[in-house]
C-alpha atoms as a PDB file:
ATOM      1  CA  MET A   1     -10.069  39.490  -4.024  1.00  0.00           C
ATOM      2  CA  ALA A   2     -12.845  37.132  -4.251  1.00  0.00           C
ATOM      3  CA  ASN A   3     -11.390  35.365  -7.338  1.00  0.00           C
ATOM      4  CA  GLU A   4      -7.828  35.163  -5.596  1.00  0.00           C
ATOM      5  CA  ASN A   5      -9.619  33.111  -2.816  1.00  0.00           C
ATOM      6  CA  LEU A   6     -11.367  31.020  -5.216  1.00  0.00           C
ATOM      7  CA  ASP A   7      -8.132  30.097  -6.883  1.00  0.00           C
ATOM      8  CA  THR A   8      -6.351  29.489  -3.748  1.00  0.00           C
ATOM      9  CA  VAL A   9      -9.594  26.981  -2.976  1.00  0.00           C
ATOM     10  CA  GLY A  10      -9.407  25.591  -6.513  1.00  0.00           C
ATOM     11  CA  TYR A  11      -5.666  24.959  -6.345  1.00  0.00           C
ATOM     12  CA  TRP A  12      -5.865  23.028  -2.926  1.00  0.00           C
ATOM     13  CA  THR A  13      -8.847  20.976  -4.175  1.00  0.00           C
ATOM     14  CA  GLU A  14      -6.581  20.159  -7.065  1.00  0.00           C
ATOM     15  CA  VAL A  15      -3.705  19.058  -4.565  1.00  0.00           C
ATOM     16  CA  LYS A  16      -6.201  17.187  -2.510  1.00  0.00           C
ATOM     17  CA  LEU A  17      -7.413  15.160  -5.743  1.00  0.00           C
ATOM     18  CA  SER A  18      -4.025  14.391  -6.834  1.00  0.00           C
ATOM     19  CA  ILE A  19      -3.040  13.030  -3.525  1.00  0.00           C
ATOM     20  CA  LEU A  20      -6.357  10.953  -3.358  1.00  0.00           C
ATOM     21  CA  ARG A  21      -5.625   9.497  -7.018  1.00  0.00           C
ATOM     22  CA  ASP A  22      -1.878   8.802  -6.039  1.00  0.00           C
ATOM     23  CA  TYR A  23      -3.406   7.173  -2.862  1.00  0.00           C
ATOM     24  CA  SER A  24      -5.986   5.270  -5.003  1.00  0.00           C
ATOM     25  CA  ASN A  25      -3.344   3.915  -7.704  1.00  0.00           C
ATOM     26  CA  ALA A  26      -1.114   2.648  -4.790  1.00  0.00           C
ATOM     27  CA  TYR A  27      -3.919   0.963  -3.161  1.00  0.00           C
ATOM     28  CA  ALA A  28      -5.047  -0.710  -6.351  1.00  0.00           C
ATOM     29  CA  GLN A  29      -1.300  -1.928  -6.795  1.00  0.00           C
ATOM     30  CA  ILE A  30      -0.952  -3.335  -3.251  1.00  0.00           C
ATOM     31  CA  THR A  31      -4.300  -5.145  -3.550  1.00  0.00           C
ATOM     32  CA  ASP A  32      -3.445  -6.447  -7.009  1.00  0.00           C
ATOM     33  CA  ILE A  33      -0.153  -7.872  -6.050  1.00  0.00           C
ATOM     34  CA  ARG A  34      -1.917  -9.488  -2.936  1.00  0.00           C
ATOM     35  CA  ASP A  35      -4.403 -10.957  -4.830  1.00  0.00           C
ATOM     36  CA  GLN A  36      -1.712 -12.301  -7.466  1.00  0.00           C
ATOM     37  CA  CYS A  37       0.245 -13.933  -4.317  1.00  0.00           C
ATOM     38  CA  ARG A  38      -3.056 -15.330  -3.191  1.00  0.00           C
ATOM     39  CA  LYS A  39      -4.068 -16.767  -6.535  1.00  0.00           C
ATOM     40  CA  ALA A  40      -0.403 -18.523  -6.853  1.00  0.00           C
ATOM     41  CA  ARG A  41      -0.616 -19.560  -3.147  1.00  0.00           C
ATOM     42  CA  LEU A  42       2.366 -17.582  -2.085  1.00  0.00           C
ATOM     43  CA  PRO A  43       2.921 -15.449   1.098  1.00  0.00           C
ATOM     44  CA  PHE A  44       2.133 -11.955   1.190  1.00  0.00           C
ATOM     45  CA  PHE A  45       3.598  -9.483   3.770  1.00  0.00           C
ATOM     46  CA  PHE A  46       2.421  -5.778   3.976  1.00  0.00           C
ATOM     47  CA  LYS A  47       4.656  -3.790   6.095  1.00  0.00           C
ATOM     48  CA  GLN A  48       2.828  -0.359   6.054  1.00  0.00           C
ATOM     49  CA  TRP A  49       1.664   2.457   4.046  1.00  0.00           C
ATOM     50  CA  GLY A  50       4.205   5.053   3.113  1.00  0.00           C
ATOM     51  CA  GLY A  51       4.105   8.656   3.450  1.00  0.00           C
ATOM     52  CA  VAL A  52       5.426  11.186   6.172  1.00  0.00           C
ATOM     53  CA  ASN A  53       3.530   9.590   9.396  1.00  0.00           C
ATOM     54  CA  LYS A  54       4.081   5.843   8.515  1.00  0.00           C
ATOM     55  CA  LYS A  55       3.217   4.540  12.037  1.00  0.00           C
ATOM     56  CA  LYS A  56      -0.086   6.739  11.967  1.00  0.00           C
ATOM     57  CA  ALA A  57      -0.836   5.457   8.593  1.00  0.00           C
ATOM     58  CA  GLY A  58      -0.678   1.753   9.901  1.00  0.00           C
ATOM     59  CA  ARG A  59      -0.524  -1.461   8.591  1.00  0.00           C
ATOM     60  CA  LEU A  60      -3.976  -2.453   7.651  1.00  0.00           C
ATOM     61  CA  LEU A  61      -4.972  -3.523   4.376  1.00  0.00           C
ATOM     62  CA  GLN A  62      -8.729  -4.070   3.967  1.00  0.00           C
ATOM     63  CA  GLY A  63      -9.102  -4.455   7.666  1.00  0.00           C
ATOM     64  CA  ARG A  64      -6.180  -6.897   8.650  1.00  0.00           C
ATOM     65  CA  THR A  65      -2.713  -7.163   8.717  1.00  0.00           C
ATOM     66  CA  TRP A  66      -0.863  -9.341   6.318  1.00  0.00           C
ATOM     67  CA  ASP A  67       2.133 -11.172   7.895  1.00  0.00           C
ATOM     68  CA  GLU A  68       2.528 -14.168   5.766  1.00  0.00           C
ATOM     69  CA  THR A  69       6.239 -15.443   5.147  1.00  0.00           C
ATOM     70  CA  PRO A  70       7.582 -18.523   3.433  1.00  0.00           C
ATOM     71  CA  MET A  71       7.784 -21.505   5.647  1.00  0.00           C
ATOM     72  CA  ALA A  72      11.218 -21.956   7.038  1.00  0.00           C
ATOM     73  CA  PHE A  73      13.150 -24.897   5.590  1.00  0.00           C
ATOM     74  CA  THR A  74      16.442 -26.602   6.177  1.00  0.00           C
ATOM     75  CA  ARG A  75      19.289 -26.997   3.610  1.00  0.00           C
ATOM     76  CA  ALA A  76      18.672 -30.906   3.796  1.00  0.00           C
ATOM     77  CA  GLU A  77      15.200 -30.343   2.637  1.00  0.00           C
ATOM     78  CA  ALA A  78      16.040 -27.771  -0.263  1.00  0.00           C
ATOM     79  CA  GLY A  79      18.956 -29.790  -1.240  1.00  0.00           C
ATOM     80  CA  THR A  80      22.327 -28.608  -0.272  1.00  0.00           C
ATOM     81  CA  ARG A  81      24.647 -27.145  -2.918  1.00  0.00           C
END
């Protein structure tokens, strides 16, 4: 019976590690995109973390929200078509 409990603990440990790897990969991808935007001097908007409890997960990325949007411009400024 002890082996069964150990197997269960081992299984859940692997599940948790898998979730952490996925989160780490997503975090790296998001920060990479953010860094590319900043390097290219483009706005970056981060809506929120995904998952089941999106509101709980929040909108913070490295301690702040990212609400940058392109500047509004008129058709005259863009050249009407």
